[in-house]
């Protein structure tokens, strides 16, 4: 995946009513087409009595997997508008199913496009969106005599402190941009006057909430 990208924060269901029809948006994070299809099948099973269960998803590092399905609605009035909302918000690894229970009032092609798009937009707002950034977690071990100064310097810096371990020595675990290990090591070594041991712990993605 890219060094940074956007996706949904959590699995969520959100319902709106438009001209007496119920539109229920089901949102999920997926990483493969199989995961997306499993999620869609589960929603269809749960809402087997619904008028429609329209779906859209995209997955893959370059969004190479993109699918949209109208599930009986007029062509390109449901699945495609739903997918376009995901793309407009620059989301990756996201699947959405919108369940419709028909309320007796026909919306027309334009009305359906707007309704399904609105259902997805409000569903995403309910689920939340996160920015995922590739990070290295660096461990920095020092003597207890340096605890206060090093902790303060890290917290005052642009680096994000993940955790602190208090054992025979103090170990700070710090999120560092994937290409910034050398700069971090140099900066903290100078800060501690060389009295520190810095190693790479793991690579992970840091998730931070963003406004929808």
Foldseek 3Di string as FASTA:
>chain_A
DDQKAKAFQAWDWDWDADPQKIKIKTKHFAADPVVQVVVLVVVCVVPVVFPAWWKWAFHDPVSPDTDTGPRPDPPPQARVLLNVLCVVVRHHRMMMIITIHDRPDDQPSVRSSVVNNVNNVVRRQVRFMKMKGKWWWKKKWAAPVCVVVLVVVCVPDPKDWDDWDDDNIIITIITDHPPCPVVVVVVSCVSVVNRMDMDTDGIDIDIDTDHD
